[in-house]
N, C-alpha and C. Protein backbone atom coordinates (compact mmCIF):
# COMPACT_ATOMS: atom_id res chain seq x y z
N MET A 1 -49.27 14.57 -14.04
CA MET A 1 -50.63 14.96 -14.35
C MET A 1 -50.97 16.21 -13.53
N ASN A 2 -51.42 17.24 -14.22
CA ASN A 2 -51.78 18.48 -13.54
C ASN A 2 -53.29 18.56 -13.38
N THR A 3 -53.72 18.86 -12.16
CA THR A 3 -55.15 19.06 -11.92
C THR A 3 -55.35 20.37 -11.20
N LYS A 4 -56.45 21.01 -11.49
CA LYS A 4 -56.79 22.26 -10.84
C LYS A 4 -58.09 22.08 -10.08
N SER A 5 -58.14 22.61 -8.87
CA SER A 5 -59.38 22.50 -8.10
C SER A 5 -60.28 23.70 -8.30
N SER A 6 -59.76 24.77 -8.91
CA SER A 6 -60.58 25.97 -9.05
C SER A 6 -61.18 26.12 -10.44
N GLY A 7 -60.95 25.19 -11.34
CA GLY A 7 -61.57 25.28 -12.65
C GLY A 7 -60.76 24.58 -13.71
N ASP A 8 -61.32 24.55 -14.90
CA ASP A 8 -60.61 23.89 -15.99
C ASP A 8 -59.83 24.91 -16.80
N LYS A 9 -59.29 24.48 -17.92
CA LYS A 9 -58.43 25.34 -18.73
C LYS A 9 -59.18 26.53 -19.32
N ALA A 10 -60.47 26.40 -19.54
CA ALA A 10 -61.26 27.49 -20.11
C ALA A 10 -61.67 28.52 -19.06
N GLY A 11 -61.30 28.32 -17.82
CA GLY A 11 -61.62 29.26 -16.76
C GLY A 11 -62.99 29.05 -16.14
N GLN A 12 -63.64 27.95 -16.49
CA GLN A 12 -64.95 27.66 -15.91
C GLN A 12 -64.77 26.98 -14.57
N PRO A 13 -65.68 27.24 -13.63
CA PRO A 13 -65.56 26.59 -12.32
C PRO A 13 -65.85 25.09 -12.41
N ASP A 14 -65.25 24.33 -11.53
CA ASP A 14 -65.54 22.91 -11.49
C ASP A 14 -66.74 22.64 -10.58
N TYR A 15 -67.11 21.39 -10.46
CA TYR A 15 -68.31 20.98 -9.72
C TYR A 15 -68.29 21.50 -8.28
N SER A 16 -67.17 21.30 -7.59
CA SER A 16 -67.11 21.71 -6.18
C SER A 16 -67.26 23.21 -6.02
N GLU A 17 -66.73 23.99 -6.95
CA GLU A 17 -66.87 25.44 -6.88
C GLU A 17 -68.33 25.86 -7.10
N ILE A 18 -69.03 25.18 -7.99
CA ILE A 18 -70.44 25.48 -8.24
C ILE A 18 -71.27 25.20 -7.00
N ILE A 19 -71.03 24.06 -6.35
CA ILE A 19 -71.77 23.71 -5.15
C ILE A 19 -71.45 24.67 -4.01
N LYS A 20 -70.19 25.02 -3.87
CA LYS A 20 -69.78 25.96 -2.82
C LYS A 20 -70.45 27.32 -3.03
N LYS A 21 -70.47 27.78 -4.26
CA LYS A 21 -71.11 29.05 -4.59
C LYS A 21 -72.61 29.01 -4.29
N ALA A 22 -73.27 27.91 -4.62
CA ALA A 22 -74.70 27.76 -4.36
C ALA A 22 -74.98 27.75 -2.86
N TYR A 23 -74.13 27.06 -2.10
CA TYR A 23 -74.30 27.01 -0.65
C TYR A 23 -74.17 28.41 -0.04
N GLU A 24 -73.13 29.12 -0.45
CA GLU A 24 -72.91 30.47 0.08
C GLU A 24 -74.06 31.40 -0.29
N LYS A 25 -74.56 31.26 -1.50
CA LYS A 25 -75.69 32.09 -1.94
C LYS A 25 -76.93 31.76 -1.11
N GLY A 26 -77.16 30.49 -0.84
CA GLY A 26 -78.32 30.08 -0.04
C GLY A 26 -78.23 30.56 1.40
N VAL A 27 -77.04 30.59 1.94
CA VAL A 27 -76.85 31.05 3.31
C VAL A 27 -77.00 32.56 3.41
N ASN A 28 -76.48 33.28 2.43
CA ASN A 28 -76.43 34.74 2.50
C ASN A 28 -77.69 35.43 2.00
N GLU A 29 -78.39 34.85 1.05
CA GLU A 29 -79.59 35.48 0.50
C GLU A 29 -80.83 34.85 1.11
N GLN A 30 -81.55 35.61 1.90
CA GLN A 30 -82.70 35.07 2.61
C GLN A 30 -83.93 34.95 1.72
N ASP A 31 -84.02 35.71 0.63
CA ASP A 31 -85.23 35.67 -0.19
C ASP A 31 -85.13 34.74 -1.40
N ILE A 32 -84.05 33.96 -1.51
CA ILE A 32 -83.93 33.01 -2.61
C ILE A 32 -84.65 31.72 -2.24
N THR A 33 -85.35 31.16 -3.23
CA THR A 33 -86.08 29.92 -2.98
C THR A 33 -85.22 28.72 -3.37
N LEU A 34 -85.61 27.56 -2.87
CA LEU A 34 -84.91 26.34 -3.22
C LEU A 34 -84.97 26.08 -4.73
N GLN A 35 -86.12 26.36 -5.32
CA GLN A 35 -86.28 26.16 -6.76
C GLN A 35 -85.31 27.06 -7.56
N GLU A 36 -85.14 28.30 -7.13
CA GLU A 36 -84.21 29.20 -7.80
C GLU A 36 -82.78 28.69 -7.68
N MET A 37 -82.43 28.18 -6.51
CA MET A 37 -81.09 27.63 -6.32
C MET A 37 -80.85 26.44 -7.22
N ILE A 38 -81.83 25.55 -7.31
CA ILE A 38 -81.71 24.37 -8.16
C ILE A 38 -81.56 24.77 -9.62
N GLU A 39 -82.35 25.73 -10.07
CA GLU A 39 -82.25 26.19 -11.46
C GLU A 39 -80.88 26.79 -11.74
N ASN A 40 -80.34 27.56 -10.80
CA ASN A 40 -79.00 28.13 -10.98
C ASN A 40 -77.94 27.05 -11.06
N ILE A 41 -78.04 26.04 -10.21
CA ILE A 41 -77.08 24.94 -10.23
C ILE A 41 -77.17 24.17 -11.55
N LYS A 42 -78.39 23.89 -12.00
CA LYS A 42 -78.58 23.19 -13.27
C LYS A 42 -77.92 23.95 -14.42
N TYR A 43 -78.15 25.26 -14.46
CA TYR A 43 -77.59 26.09 -15.52
C TYR A 43 -76.06 26.04 -15.51
N GLU A 44 -75.47 26.19 -14.33
CA GLU A 44 -74.02 26.19 -14.23
C GLU A 44 -73.42 24.82 -14.54
N LEU A 45 -74.09 23.74 -14.13
CA LEU A 45 -73.59 22.40 -14.45
C LEU A 45 -73.67 22.13 -15.94
N LYS A 46 -74.73 22.59 -16.58
CA LYS A 46 -74.83 22.42 -18.03
C LYS A 46 -73.73 23.19 -18.74
N SER A 47 -73.36 24.35 -18.20
CA SER A 47 -72.32 25.16 -18.85
C SER A 47 -70.95 24.49 -18.76
N ILE A 48 -70.68 23.71 -17.71
CA ILE A 48 -69.37 23.04 -17.65
C ILE A 48 -69.35 21.77 -18.48
N MET A 49 -70.52 21.24 -18.84
CA MET A 49 -70.57 20.04 -19.66
C MET A 49 -70.32 20.36 -21.13
N ILE A 50 -70.55 21.60 -21.54
CA ILE A 50 -70.33 22.00 -22.93
C ILE A 50 -68.84 22.19 -23.15
N ILE A 51 -68.31 21.49 -24.13
CA ILE A 51 -66.87 21.55 -24.40
C ILE A 51 -66.62 22.44 -25.59
């Protein structure tokens, strides 16, 4: 069984990559709000659910 930690076959990031990206964005961007971060995470999670 082959598994990839950096994304699926379509090249989309997996859950852990989305969370890591959101964390890094929150740490590095001082003017981003929590609401903006949540909306970005929601959008990216919805995009990986579409097959």
